[in-house]
Protein backbone atom coordinates (compact mmCIF):
# COMPACT_ATOMS: atom_id res chain seq x y z
CA MET A 1 21.92 -29.09 -2.47
CA ILE A 2 18.98 -26.34 -2.60
CA ALA A 3 20.69 -23.57 -1.22
CA ARG A 4 24.02 -24.27 -3.12
CA THR A 5 22.16 -24.33 -6.48
CA LEU A 6 19.91 -21.20 -5.43
CA ALA A 7 23.09 -19.44 -4.61
CA ALA A 8 24.86 -19.99 -7.43
CA PHE A 9 21.71 -18.69 -9.35
CA ALA A 10 21.24 -15.49 -7.29
CA PHE A 11 24.82 -14.68 -7.92
CA LEU A 12 24.20 -15.43 -11.73
CA GLY A 13 21.44 -13.40 -11.29
CA LEU A 14 23.43 -9.99 -9.51
CA ALA A 15 26.48 -10.54 -11.77
CA GLY A 16 23.83 -10.03 -15.24
CA LEU A 17 22.65 -7.13 -13.46
CA ALA A 18 25.94 -5.64 -12.82
CA HIS A 19 26.92 -6.57 -16.63
CA ALA A 20 23.89 -6.41 -19.01
CA GLY A 21 23.89 -2.45 -19.36
CA PRO A 22 25.32 -1.62 -22.55
CA ALA A 23 23.90 -4.41 -24.44
CA VAL A 24 20.42 -4.00 -23.61
CA GLU A 25 20.90 -0.12 -24.56
CA ALA A 26 20.55 -0.24 -27.85
CA ALA A 27 17.68 -3.23 -28.18
CA ALA A 28 15.88 -1.26 -25.07
CA LYS A 29 16.90 2.24 -27.03
CA GLN A 30 16.72 3.46 -22.99
CA ALA A 31 20.23 4.44 -21.18
CA THR A 32 21.28 2.04 -18.72
CA ASN A 33 20.65 3.90 -15.17
CA TRP A 34 23.39 3.34 -13.05
CA HIS A 35 22.21 5.26 -9.92
CA ALA A 36 19.44 3.47 -9.86
CA ILE A 37 21.46 -0.09 -10.44
CA ILE A 38 23.91 0.58 -7.45
CA MET A 39 21.47 1.85 -5.20
CA PHE A 40 19.38 -1.68 -6.32
CA LEU A 41 22.76 -3.60 -5.26
CA ILE A 42 22.80 -2.05 -2.23
CA PHE A 43 19.27 -2.99 -1.03
CA VAL A 44 20.04 -6.71 -2.32
CA SER A 45 23.08 -6.94 -0.38
CA LEU A 46 21.20 -5.90 2.67
CA THR A 47 18.24 -8.12 2.12
CA LEU A 48 20.62 -10.95 1.26
CA PHE A 49 22.39 -10.52 4.45
CA ILE A 50 19.21 -10.99 5.95
CA THR A 51 18.41 -13.61 4.60
CA LYS A 52 21.56 -15.36 5.46
CA TRP A 53 20.89 -14.35 9.23
CA ALA A 54 16.89 -15.48 8.89
CA ALA A 55 18.41 -19.41 7.43
CA SER A 56 19.86 -19.65 10.75
CA ARG A 57 16.69 -19.27 12.55
CA THR A 58 14.51 -20.99 10.55
CA LYS A 59 14.60 -24.28 11.24
CA THR A 60 10.80 -25.10 12.46
CA THR A 61 7.16 -24.63 10.26
CA ALA A 62 6.20 -22.25 12.70
CA ASP A 63 9.52 -20.41 11.75
CA PHE A 64 9.01 -20.95 8.26
CA TYR A 65 5.46 -19.68 7.89
CA THR A 66 5.08 -17.17 10.52
CA ALA A 67 8.46 -16.19 12.14
CA GLY A 68 7.86 -17.70 14.95
CA GLY A 69 5.38 -15.76 15.97
CA GLY A 70 7.31 -13.39 17.50
CA ILE A 71 6.92 -10.19 14.74
CA THR A 72 5.59 -6.43 16.90
CA GLY A 73 2.51 -5.29 16.00
CA PHE A 74 4.70 -2.06 14.64
CA GLN A 75 6.85 -4.50 12.63
CA ASN A 76 3.91 -6.23 11.05
CA GLY A 77 1.68 -3.34 10.39
CA LEU A 78 5.01 -2.07 8.35
CA ALA A 79 5.42 -5.44 6.87
CA ILE A 80 2.00 -5.19 5.72
CA ALA A 81 2.06 -1.79 4.62
CA GLY A 82 4.93 -3.57 2.63
CA ASP A 83 2.88 -6.56 1.11
CA TYR A 84 0.04 -3.95 0.39
CA MET A 85 1.66 -0.54 -1.49
CA SER A 86 2.82 -2.11 -5.02
CA ALA A 87 4.97 -0.51 -7.56
CA ALA A 88 1.14 -0.04 -8.99
CA THR A 89 0.42 1.81 -5.88
CA LEU A 90 3.48 4.27 -6.67
CA LEU A 91 3.35 4.24 -10.11
CA GLY A 92 -0.30 3.81 -11.29
CA LEU A 93 -1.91 5.99 -8.75
CA THR A 94 0.49 8.95 -9.00
CA ALA A 95 -0.23 8.84 -13.27
CA MET A 96 -3.85 8.34 -12.58
CA ALA A 97 -4.38 11.22 -10.13
CA TYR A 98 -1.73 13.06 -13.06
CA SER A 99 -4.47 12.26 -15.31
CA GLN A 100 -7.97 11.80 -14.06
CA GLY A 101 -7.63 13.85 -10.81
CA TYR A 102 -10.21 13.51 -7.97
CA ASP A 103 -10.79 9.70 -9.86
CA ALA A 104 -7.50 8.44 -8.06
CA TYR A 105 -8.64 9.29 -4.98
CA ILE A 106 -11.90 7.79 -5.15
CA TYR A 107 -9.78 4.73 -6.30
CA MET A 108 -7.48 4.70 -3.10
CA LEU A 109 -10.52 5.37 -1.14
CA ALA A 110 -11.75 1.64 -2.11
CA PHE A 111 -8.39 0.18 -1.79
CA PHE A 112 -8.25 1.51 1.60
CA ALA A 113 -11.86 0.74 2.71
CA GLY A 114 -10.64 -2.85 3.15
CA TRP A 115 -8.51 -2.10 6.42
CA PRO A 116 -11.54 -1.02 8.89
CA ILE A 117 -13.14 -4.86 7.78
CA ILE A 118 -9.78 -6.27 8.69
CA LEU A 119 -9.40 -4.59 11.76
CA PHE A 120 -13.06 -4.55 13.34
CA LEU A 121 -14.54 -8.25 11.90
CA MET A 122 -11.08 -10.52 11.17
CA ALA A 123 -7.68 -9.59 12.81
CA GLU A 124 -8.68 -10.82 16.23
CA ARG A 125 -10.44 -13.69 15.30
CA LEU A 126 -7.60 -14.85 12.65
CA ARG A 127 -4.62 -15.09 15.18
CA ASN A 128 -7.09 -16.62 17.93
CA LEU A 129 -7.99 -19.13 15.49
CA GLY A 130 -5.12 -19.65 12.94
CA ARG A 131 -1.60 -20.86 12.69
CA PHE A 132 0.04 -20.91 9.49
CA THR A 133 -2.44 -19.88 7.02
CA PHE A 134 -6.36 -18.97 7.11
CA ALA A 135 -7.66 -22.81 5.67
CA ASP A 136 -6.82 -23.51 9.79
CA ILE A 137 -10.14 -20.87 10.42
CA THR A 138 -12.44 -22.36 7.32
CA SER A 139 -11.89 -25.86 8.13
CA TYR A 140 -11.83 -25.26 12.01
CA ARG A 141 -14.84 -27.16 12.47
CA LEU A 142 -15.36 -28.29 8.79
CA ASP A 143 -13.69 -31.43 7.05
CA GLN A 144 -10.20 -31.19 7.07
CA GLY A 145 -9.82 -32.64 3.79
CA THR A 146 -12.33 -31.02 1.27
CA VAL A 147 -12.26 -27.53 2.61
CA ARG A 148 -8.41 -27.06 3.00
CA THR A 149 -8.21 -28.37 -0.77
CA MET A 150 -10.66 -25.95 -1.62
CA ALA A 151 -9.06 -23.28 0.35
CA ALA A 152 -5.58 -23.63 -1.17
CA ILE A 153 -6.86 -23.88 -4.43
CA SER A 154 -8.38 -20.03 -4.37
CA SER A 155 -5.47 -19.11 -2.92
CA LEU A 156 -2.93 -20.65 -5.71
CA VAL A 157 -5.31 -19.14 -8.24
CA VAL A 158 -5.04 -15.51 -6.60
CA VAL A 159 -1.15 -16.51 -5.74
CA VAL A 160 -0.39 -17.18 -9.52
CA PHE A 161 -2.55 -14.41 -11.13
CA TYR A 162 -1.18 -11.79 -8.72
CA LEU A 163 2.42 -13.05 -9.51
CA ILE A 164 1.85 -12.88 -13.20
CA ALA A 165 0.70 -9.44 -12.69
CA GLN A 166 3.66 -8.67 -10.47
CA MET A 167 6.51 -10.28 -12.66
CA VAL A 168 5.12 -8.84 -16.00
CA GLY A 169 4.96 -5.29 -14.49
CA ALA A 170 8.61 -6.11 -12.96
CA GLY A 171 9.57 -6.70 -16.59
CA GLN A 172 8.50 -3.69 -18.11
CA LEU A 173 9.36 -1.29 -15.38
CA ILE A 174 12.74 -2.44 -15.52
CA LYS A 175 13.29 -2.04 -19.21
CA LEU A 176 12.23 1.67 -18.52
CA LEU A 177 13.93 2.08 -15.27
CA PHE A 178 16.78 0.56 -15.54
CA GLY A 179 17.24 0.22 -18.99
CA LEU A 180 17.87 -3.69 -18.74
CA ASP A 181 16.35 -6.31 -21.24
CA TYR A 182 12.90 -7.62 -19.90
CA ASN A 183 13.68 -11.32 -19.47
CA ILE A 184 17.11 -10.31 -17.37
CA ALA A 185 14.62 -8.51 -15.17
CA ILE A 186 12.03 -11.34 -15.22
CA PHE A 187 14.69 -13.63 -14.49
CA ILE A 188 15.99 -11.44 -11.27
CA VAL A 189 12.85 -11.23 -9.73
CA GLY A 190 12.27 -14.80 -9.84
CA ILE A 191 15.29 -16.20 -8.45
CA LEU A 192 15.90 -13.10 -5.56
CA MET A 193 12.33 -14.00 -4.55
CA MET A 194 13.05 -17.95 -4.30
CA VAL A 195 16.29 -17.00 -2.33
CA TYR A 196 14.54 -14.77 0.50
CA VAL A 197 11.88 -17.21 0.79
CA ALA A 198 13.43 -21.04 0.77
CA PHE A 199 16.38 -19.66 2.76
CA GLY A 200 15.07 -17.04 4.98
CA GLY A 201 11.53 -17.88 5.57
CA MET A 202 8.67 -15.36 7.00
CA VAL A 203 11.63 -13.94 9.19
CA ALA A 204 13.45 -12.60 5.81
CA THR A 205 10.42 -11.64 3.84
CA THR A 206 9.35 -9.62 6.82
CA TRP A 207 12.60 -7.86 7.02
CA VAL A 208 12.59 -7.44 3.26
CA GLN A 209 9.08 -5.98 3.36
CA ILE A 210 9.95 -3.72 6.54
CA ILE A 211 12.74 -1.86 4.36
CA LYS A 212 11.25 -1.81 1.51
CA ALA A 213 8.36 -0.37 3.33
CA CYS A 214 10.66 2.54 5.20
CA LEU A 215 12.14 3.16 1.76
CA LEU A 216 9.24 3.73 -0.03
CA LEU A 217 7.67 5.92 2.51
CA CYS A 218 10.62 8.07 2.74
CA GLY A 219 11.11 8.18 -1.31
CA GLY A 220 7.92 9.32 -2.05
CA THR A 221 7.74 11.94 0.49
CA LEU A 222 10.77 12.85 0.06
CA THR A 223 9.36 13.56 -3.68
CA LEU A 224 6.07 15.31 -2.43
CA ILE A 225 8.43 17.44 0.17
CA LEU A 226 10.77 18.57 -2.50
CA ALA A 227 7.84 19.41 -4.98
CA TYR A 228 5.45 21.16 -2.65
CA THR A 229 8.44 23.50 -2.24
CA GLN A 230 7.51 25.31 -5.24
CA PHE A 231 4.20 26.15 -3.80
CA GLY A 232 4.79 27.04 -0.52
CA PHE A 233 3.27 24.33 0.92
CA SER A 234 0.16 25.62 0.14
CA PHE A 235 -2.45 23.09 -1.78
CA THR A 236 -4.95 26.18 -2.18
CA GLU A 237 -1.99 27.46 -5.17
CA LEU A 238 -1.23 23.74 -6.08
CA LEU A 239 -5.11 23.35 -7.11
CA THR A 240 -5.56 26.68 -8.49
CA LYS A 241 -2.91 26.40 -10.48
CA ALA A 242 -3.40 23.12 -11.38
CA GLU A 243 -6.87 23.47 -12.59
CA ALA A 244 -5.77 26.41 -14.71
CA VAL A 245 -3.73 23.93 -16.61
CA HIS A 246 -4.92 20.74 -16.84
CA LYS A 247 -7.29 19.40 -19.91
CA LEU A 248 -10.34 18.60 -16.89
CA GLY A 249 -9.89 22.42 -15.71
CA ALA A 250 -12.46 23.22 -12.83
CA ARG A 251 -13.46 19.70 -12.93
CA LEU A 252 -10.13 17.75 -11.80
CA MET A 253 -11.13 17.65 -8.41
CA ALA A 254 -14.84 16.13 -9.44
CA PRO A 255 -15.75 12.68 -9.63
CA GLY A 256 -15.46 11.97 -13.56
CA SER A 257 -15.27 9.03 -15.59
CA LEU A 258 -14.53 6.20 -12.82
CA LEU A 259 -18.09 6.71 -11.81
CA ALA A 260 -20.00 7.18 -15.12
CA ASP A 261 -21.36 3.59 -14.65
CA PRO A 262 -22.68 2.97 -10.95
CA ILE A 263 -22.46 -0.82 -11.54
CA THR A 264 -18.55 -1.09 -12.63
CA ALA A 265 -18.02 1.05 -9.72
CA ILE A 266 -20.09 -0.50 -7.34
CA SER A 267 -17.99 -3.62 -8.17
CA LEU A 268 -14.97 -2.27 -8.45
CA GLY A 269 -15.19 -1.05 -5.32
CA LEU A 270 -16.81 -3.85 -4.04
CA GLY A 271 -13.56 -5.98 -5.33
CA LEU A 272 -11.45 -4.16 -4.08
CA MET A 273 -13.11 -3.50 -0.31
CA PHE A 274 -13.15 -7.46 0.43
CA GLY A 275 -10.39 -8.76 -1.98
CA THR A 276 -8.36 -7.02 0.43
CA ALA A 277 -9.95 -8.89 3.46
CA GLY A 278 -9.32 -12.17 1.47
CA LEU A 279 -5.76 -11.91 -0.33
CA PRO A 280 -4.01 -14.97 1.01
CA HIS A 281 -0.51 -13.25 1.61
CA ILE A 282 -2.08 -10.60 3.76
CA LEU A 283 -4.06 -12.88 5.80
CA MET A 284 -1.14 -14.90 6.46
CA ARG A 285 0.47 -12.17 8.19
CA PHE A 286 -1.66 -11.70 11.07
CA PHE A 287 -0.42 -15.27 12.46
CA THR A 288 3.45 -13.74 12.91
CA VAL A 289 2.50 -11.83 15.66
CA GLY A 290 1.93 -12.99 19.34
CA ASN A 291 -1.59 -12.22 20.32
CA ALA A 292 -4.81 -10.83 19.21
CA LYS A 293 -3.47 -7.07 20.48
CA GLU A 294 -1.04 -7.27 18.54
CA ALA A 295 -2.97 -8.24 15.55
CA ARG A 296 -5.31 -5.40 15.99
CA LYS A 297 -1.91 -2.97 16.19
CA SER A 298 -0.79 -4.57 13.38
CA VAL A 299 -4.10 -3.00 11.20
CA VAL A 300 -3.94 0.12 12.83
CA TYR A 301 -0.28 0.73 11.80
CA ALA A 302 -0.57 -0.77 8.68
CA SER A 303 -3.65 1.54 8.11
CA GLY A 304 -1.92 4.74 8.94
CA PHE A 305 1.03 3.84 6.63
CA VAL A 306 -1.33 2.80 3.88
CA GLY A 307 -3.51 6.22 4.45
CA PHE A 308 -0.44 8.36 4.57
CA PHE A 309 1.07 6.97 1.11
CA PHE A 310 -2.04 7.36 -0.61
CA ASN A 311 -2.13 11.04 0.62
CA VAL A 312 1.32 11.64 -0.35
CA ILE A 313 0.71 10.16 -4.05
CA PHE A 314 -2.37 11.73 -4.47
CA LEU A 315 -0.62 15.13 -3.78
CA MET A 316 2.63 14.00 -6.42
CA GLY A 317 0.06 13.56 -8.74
CA LEU A 318 -1.00 17.01 -8.64
CA CYS A 319 2.38 18.55 -8.31
CA ALA A 320 3.21 16.51 -11.37
CA VAL A 321 0.38 18.43 -13.12
CA LEU A 322 2.68 21.32 -13.14
CA ILE A 323 5.94 20.31 -12.81
CA VAL A 324 6.16 17.40 -15.60
CA GLY A 325 2.97 18.41 -17.63
CA GLN A 326 4.42 21.82 -18.56
CA ASN A 327 7.95 20.95 -18.98
CA PRO A 328 8.84 19.78 -22.92
CA GLU A 329 11.94 17.65 -21.59
CA PHE A 330 9.21 14.93 -20.11
CA PHE A 331 7.60 14.61 -23.55
CA GLU A 332 8.23 12.72 -27.17
CA GLY A 333 9.34 15.25 -29.30
CA GLY A 334 9.17 17.92 -26.79
CA VAL A 335 5.53 18.41 -27.39
CA VAL A 336 3.57 19.51 -23.97
CA GLY A 337 0.65 17.18 -23.70
CA GLY A 338 1.56 14.77 -26.26
CA LYS A 339 3.06 11.37 -24.85
CA LEU A 340 4.89 10.89 -21.62
CA ILE A 341 8.78 9.50 -22.46
CA GLY A 342 8.27 5.93 -21.23
CA GLY A 343 4.71 5.68 -21.04
CA GLY A 344 1.80 7.02 -18.53
CA ASN A 345 3.13 5.43 -15.61
CA MET A 346 6.50 7.38 -15.12
CA VAL A 347 4.59 10.41 -13.26
CA ALA A 348 6.38 9.64 -10.32
CA MET A 349 9.57 9.19 -11.86
CA HIS A 350 9.98 12.27 -14.15
CA LEU A 351 8.28 13.91 -11.24
CA ALA A 352 11.44 12.70 -9.04
CA ARG A 353 13.56 13.79 -11.64
CA ALA A 354 12.48 17.09 -11.70
CA VAL A 355 12.87 18.01 -8.22
CA GLY A 356 15.84 15.52 -7.19
CA GLY A 357 17.76 15.18 -10.09
CA ASN A 358 19.47 11.41 -11.34
CA MET A 359 19.99 10.73 -8.07
CA LEU A 360 16.30 10.98 -6.53
CA LEU A 361 15.30 9.30 -9.91
CA GLY A 362 17.96 6.19 -9.44
CA PHE A 363 16.46 5.88 -5.65
CA LEU A 364 12.71 5.76 -6.20
CA ALA A 365 13.32 3.56 -9.50
CA ALA A 366 15.17 1.26 -7.22
CA VAL A 367 12.70 1.34 -4.04
CA ALA A 368 10.21 0.75 -7.42
CA PHE A 369 11.77 -2.78 -7.74
CA ALA A 370 12.08 -3.09 -4.62
CA THR A 371 8.75 -3.25 -3.92
CA ILE A 372 7.72 -5.86 -6.52
CA LEU A 373 10.58 -7.79 -5.13
CA ALA A 374 8.96 -7.69 -1.44
CA VAL A 375 5.60 -8.10 -2.90
CA VAL A 376 6.48 -11.06 -4.98
CA ALA A 377 8.07 -12.65 -1.98
CA GLY A 378 5.01 -12.83 0.29
CA LEU A 379 2.86 -14.24 -2.37
CA ALA A 380 5.28 -16.63 -2.83
CA LEU A 381 5.25 -17.57 0.41
CA ALA A 382 1.68 -17.59 1.25
CA GLY A 383 1.23 -20.08 -2.17
CA ALA A 384 4.26 -22.34 -0.19
CA ALA A 385 2.15 -22.67 2.41
CA ALA A 386 -0.99 -23.66 0.81
CA ILE A 387 0.91 -26.42 -1.13
CA SER A 388 2.63 -27.53 1.85
CA HIS A 389 0.72 -27.00 5.04
CA ASP A 390 -3.05 -27.57 3.22
CA ILE A 391 -2.67 -29.84 0.92
CA TYR A 392 0.55 -31.91 1.82
CA ALA A 393 0.75 -32.02 5.40
CA ARG A 394 -3.14 -31.84 6.17
CA VAL A 395 -4.54 -33.63 3.04
CA ILE A 396 -2.01 -35.93 1.93
CA ARG A 397 -0.12 -36.81 5.19
CA LYS A 398 -3.04 -36.53 7.51
CA GLY A 399 -1.27 -34.72 9.75
CA GLN A 400 1.28 -37.17 9.93
CA ALA A 401 4.10 -35.17 8.27
CA THR A 402 7.33 -33.89 10.36
CA GLU A 403 7.91 -30.45 10.47
CA LYS A 404 11.03 -31.18 8.77
CA GLU A 405 9.08 -32.25 5.65
CA GLU A 406 6.74 -29.90 5.81
CA VAL A 407 9.48 -27.26 5.60
CA ARG A 408 11.31 -29.13 2.98
CA VAL A 409 8.59 -28.89 0.96
CA SER A 410 7.39 -25.99 1.07
CA ARG A 411 10.64 -24.90 0.01
CA TYR A 412 10.34 -27.39 -3.06
CA ALA A 413 7.11 -25.14 -3.62
CA VAL A 414 8.82 -22.17 -3.26
CA ILE A 415 11.34 -22.94 -5.99
CA GLY A 416 8.44 -24.15 -8.43
CA LEU A 417 6.30 -21.25 -7.77
CA GLY A 418 9.41 -18.95 -8.46
CA LEU A 419 10.34 -21.34 -11.95
CA LEU A 420 6.27 -21.01 -12.73
CA ALA A 421 6.23 -17.29 -12.12
CA ILE A 422 9.48 -16.67 -14.49
CA VAL A 423 7.62 -18.82 -17.08
CA LEU A 424 4.82 -17.05 -16.96
CA GLY A 425 6.13 -13.49 -16.83
CA ILE A 426 8.13 -14.29 -20.25
CA ALA A 427 5.14 -15.89 -21.72
CA PHE A 428 2.47 -12.90 -21.11
CA GLU A 429 5.33 -9.97 -21.58
CA LYS A 430 2.87 -8.47 -24.51
CA MET A 431 -0.37 -8.92 -22.74
CA ASN A 432 -2.43 -6.88 -20.68
CA ILE A 433 -2.31 -7.21 -17.02
CA ALA A 434 -5.15 -5.44 -15.67
CA PHE A 435 -7.53 -8.55 -16.29
CA MET A 436 -5.43 -10.59 -14.12
CA VAL A 437 -5.24 -8.12 -11.07
CA GLY A 438 -8.91 -8.00 -11.40
CA LEU A 439 -9.04 -11.61 -11.58
CA ALA A 440 -6.95 -11.87 -8.10
CA PHE A 441 -9.01 -9.34 -6.30
CA GLY A 442 -11.96 -11.19 -7.70
CA VAL A 443 -11.46 -14.65 -6.74
CA ALA A 444 -10.10 -13.09 -3.39
CA ALA A 445 -13.49 -11.36 -2.82
CA ALA A 446 -16.08 -13.82 -4.26
CA ALA A 447 -14.18 -17.12 -2.96
CA ASN A 448 -11.82 -16.90 0.50
CA PHE A 449 -13.99 -13.84 1.99
CA PRO A 450 -17.18 -15.38 1.76
CA VAL A 451 -16.23 -18.83 3.19
CA LEU A 452 -13.50 -16.83 5.70
CA ILE A 453 -16.34 -14.67 7.48
CA LEU A 454 -19.05 -17.08 7.21
CA SER A 455 -17.00 -19.72 9.08
CA MET A 456 -16.07 -16.95 11.69
CA TYR A 457 -19.60 -15.73 12.37
CA TRP A 458 -22.14 -17.88 11.06
CA LYS A 459 -23.07 -21.08 13.65
CA GLY A 460 -24.88 -22.50 10.40
CA LEU A 461 -21.75 -22.81 8.20
CA THR A 462 -21.62 -26.59 7.08
CA THR A 463 -18.67 -28.45 5.20
CA ARG A 464 -21.19 -28.80 2.34
CA GLY A 465 -22.02 -24.84 2.47
CA ALA A 466 -18.42 -24.05 2.71
CA ILE A 467 -17.37 -26.23 -0.22
CA TRP A 468 -20.01 -24.66 -2.87
CA GLY A 469 -20.08 -21.33 -1.86
CA GLY A 470 -16.05 -21.48 -1.92
CA TYR A 471 -15.86 -23.19 -5.52
CA GLY A 472 -18.98 -21.39 -6.87
CA GLY A 473 -17.10 -18.12 -5.95
CA VAL A 474 -14.09 -19.04 -7.57
CA ILE A 475 -15.55 -20.50 -11.27
CA SER A 476 -17.74 -17.69 -10.88
CA ALA A 477 -15.49 -15.01 -10.82
CA VAL A 478 -12.92 -16.37 -12.79
CA LEU A 479 -16.17 -17.02 -15.65
CA PHE A 480 -17.17 -13.40 -15.36
CA VAL A 481 -13.47 -11.85 -15.81
CA LEU A 482 -13.17 -14.62 -18.73
CA PHE A 483 -16.43 -13.50 -20.64
CA SER A 484 -15.75 -9.72 -20.08
CA LYS A 485 -14.54 -7.29 -22.68
CA SER A 486 -11.49 -6.98 -21.05
CA VAL A 487 -10.43 -10.96 -21.73
CA TRP A 488 -12.72 -12.28 -24.04
CA VAL A 489 -12.20 -9.05 -26.59
CA ASP A 490 -9.53 -7.18 -25.80
CA VAL A 491 -7.20 -10.76 -25.08
CA LEU A 492 -8.98 -13.14 -26.99
CA GLY A 493 -10.26 -11.25 -29.99
CA ASN A 494 -13.99 -12.09 -29.81
CA LYS A 495 -16.07 -9.31 -31.44
CA ALA A 496 -18.52 -8.83 -28.70
CA ALA A 497 -17.99 -9.66 -24.54
CA LEU A 498 -20.44 -12.01 -23.25
CA PHE A 499 -20.36 -10.70 -19.25
CA PRO A 500 -20.95 -6.46 -19.99
CA TYR A 501 -18.64 -5.72 -17.05
CA THR A 502 -15.60 -5.68 -16.11
CA GLN A 503 -15.51 -6.56 -12.46
CA PRO A 504 -16.97 -9.54 -11.19
CA ALA A 505 -17.37 -9.27 -7.24
CA LEU A 506 -20.94 -7.68 -7.07
CA PHE A 507 -22.20 -10.50 -9.13
CA ALA A 508 -19.71 -13.32 -8.07
CA MET A 509 -20.04 -12.78 -3.90
CA PRO A 510 -23.82 -13.04 -3.69
CA ILE A 511 -23.40 -16.66 -5.75
CA ALA A 512 -20.62 -17.66 -3.32
CA PHE A 513 -23.02 -16.62 0.11
CA LEU A 514 -25.93 -17.62 -1.53
CA LEU A 515 -24.52 -21.06 -2.27
CA ALA A 516 -23.03 -21.38 1.38
CA TYR A 517 -26.32 -20.57 2.79
CA ILE A 518 -28.38 -22.77 0.32
CA MET A 519 -26.31 -25.61 0.94
CA SER A 520 -25.72 -25.50 4.45
CA LYS A 521 -29.09 -24.84 5.40
CA SER A 522 -30.26 -27.61 3.29
CA ASP A 523 -27.58 -30.08 5.07
CA THR A 524 -29.21 -32.23 7.84
CA SER A 525 -26.61 -34.64 8.13
CA PRO A 526 -25.57 -35.90 11.36
CA ARG A 527 -22.20 -34.24 10.14
CA ALA A 528 -23.66 -30.90 9.92
CA LYS A 529 -25.22 -31.18 12.97
CA ALA A 530 -21.63 -31.79 14.79
CA GLU A 531 -19.92 -28.96 13.03
CA ILE A 532 -22.97 -26.69 14.05
CA ASP A 533 -21.83 -27.89 17.53
CA ALA A 534 -18.86 -27.29 17.21
CA PHE A 535 -19.25 -23.52 16.41
CA GLU A 536 -19.45 -22.88 20.30
CA ASP A 537 -15.89 -24.09 21.41
CA GLN A 538 -14.73 -22.31 18.04
CA TYR A 539 -16.51 -18.89 19.54
CA VAL A 540 -14.49 -19.05 22.77
CA ARG A 541 -11.50 -19.48 21.08
CA ALA A 542 -12.23 -16.71 18.74
CA GLN A 543 -13.00 -14.28 21.88
CA THR A 544 -10.73 -15.06 24.38
CA GLY A 545 -7.57 -16.92 22.50
CA PHE A 546 -7.55 -19.83 24.64
CA GLY A 547 -5.67 -22.51 22.79
CA ALA A 548 -4.17 -20.68 20.24
CA SER A 549 -0.47 -21.07 19.74
CA GLY A 550 1.59 -18.57 21.24
CA ALA A 551 5.13 -17.06 20.16
CA SER A 552 7.84 -19.81 19.90
CA HIS A 553 10.83 -17.72 20.86
């Protein structure tokens, strides 16, 4: 019944995508981009075929959550890169490089800095200790019910706010790039995400992410090569010409407004760095490989792909300073230096059109939409795992649920999250989504990361410490963002912010660590002593992988 219903919705959504062009043109005042729509339909057809194939292989919980644990390090590295490189990476950071120069590179470095932490501190232990979700690790020697519930709640907070940001971004993006209505775009993304995850589980999600990562890397690289040819592949020539015309002049490659407020800059850096190491959909990917060696390979490959792409989009932004920024065709009213057609985030798309015509523009637009689909699918799977594996199977059913029951609950959870994402995406259409992304990274850095890293490395962590640290991180991160200017003033309309900074990590992370430490050290109960003694067994498994689940096929 679920399969038939979702299939019907999927084809209805595709029909809407194919036939909604003319009606939308008048409302959005944007020509329908048929190149992008045709290329996106090709992508969707391919991924739906993969989903059908994956559905025949998805029978057990291991298949659904981790693709049977049989993904190679190279494949998983590509999939992680696909999960991490969102449409905001392509559009937002290219636009930031175009307008702010070197500040964009500092921002990218903060994003990138989380990967060495994952590689050297977490990847091996994640694979050896966990099975399906990071709550498997935090609750390894602690109380299963309370710790899993806390970890699942913090995961769902991150997932829901990240989903809202992706869905609203999808609607606005497709409105600009495809000439489609916002609500139609939200509907299509939500339905396709439900189909991918509910039918194909991690197998389908992984291959959607791999295909999308390859398309994004190829599309971005091709755009850069075509743009770079205009400067003889000389970075010196590009930089000299860009500095001559840019409003920042010689300061184009110098730190600017991003570091004007050191506290906000440090807090932002901490949030991006440790938030990456606490994102549930990224952490979940380490359980899809066969062993710890493949987990380490995953991070190395992912770091290479992400680092390469960051350099590509930074150079695209600099090329756009000259190719887009000096061409009146891309400005409203033909006034160079005025407002870009479609808004500031359209720099990458305008550059693609300038160097490759409508065909490259259509390809990059389709890739941007595919990017959102892949990220949303990964988020939905992480959220479904938290609901079905942590809350339903381990807390409610006390480990007595059958694999068939758990997979069924996972699929219902995916449908529920998909419908919630559609509703929230429509409801938040007019709101600034920047605070949602900040909240997602802030909660991941302040709630997920402290408890996770302490559970792996600190012998003294107890259940009471984990609960206080986890909930303290979640609540403080949410409150700091709520009371900041981005929400308290810009969204809720109050006169002054109660919290002077927009990034919560610098303040919420110490609260989480401190609460976990104080409450663990002050816990002298027999249960706490048993949990501390159990660390030795956990340490052996973390180092050797002895007893860890292997690939099912």
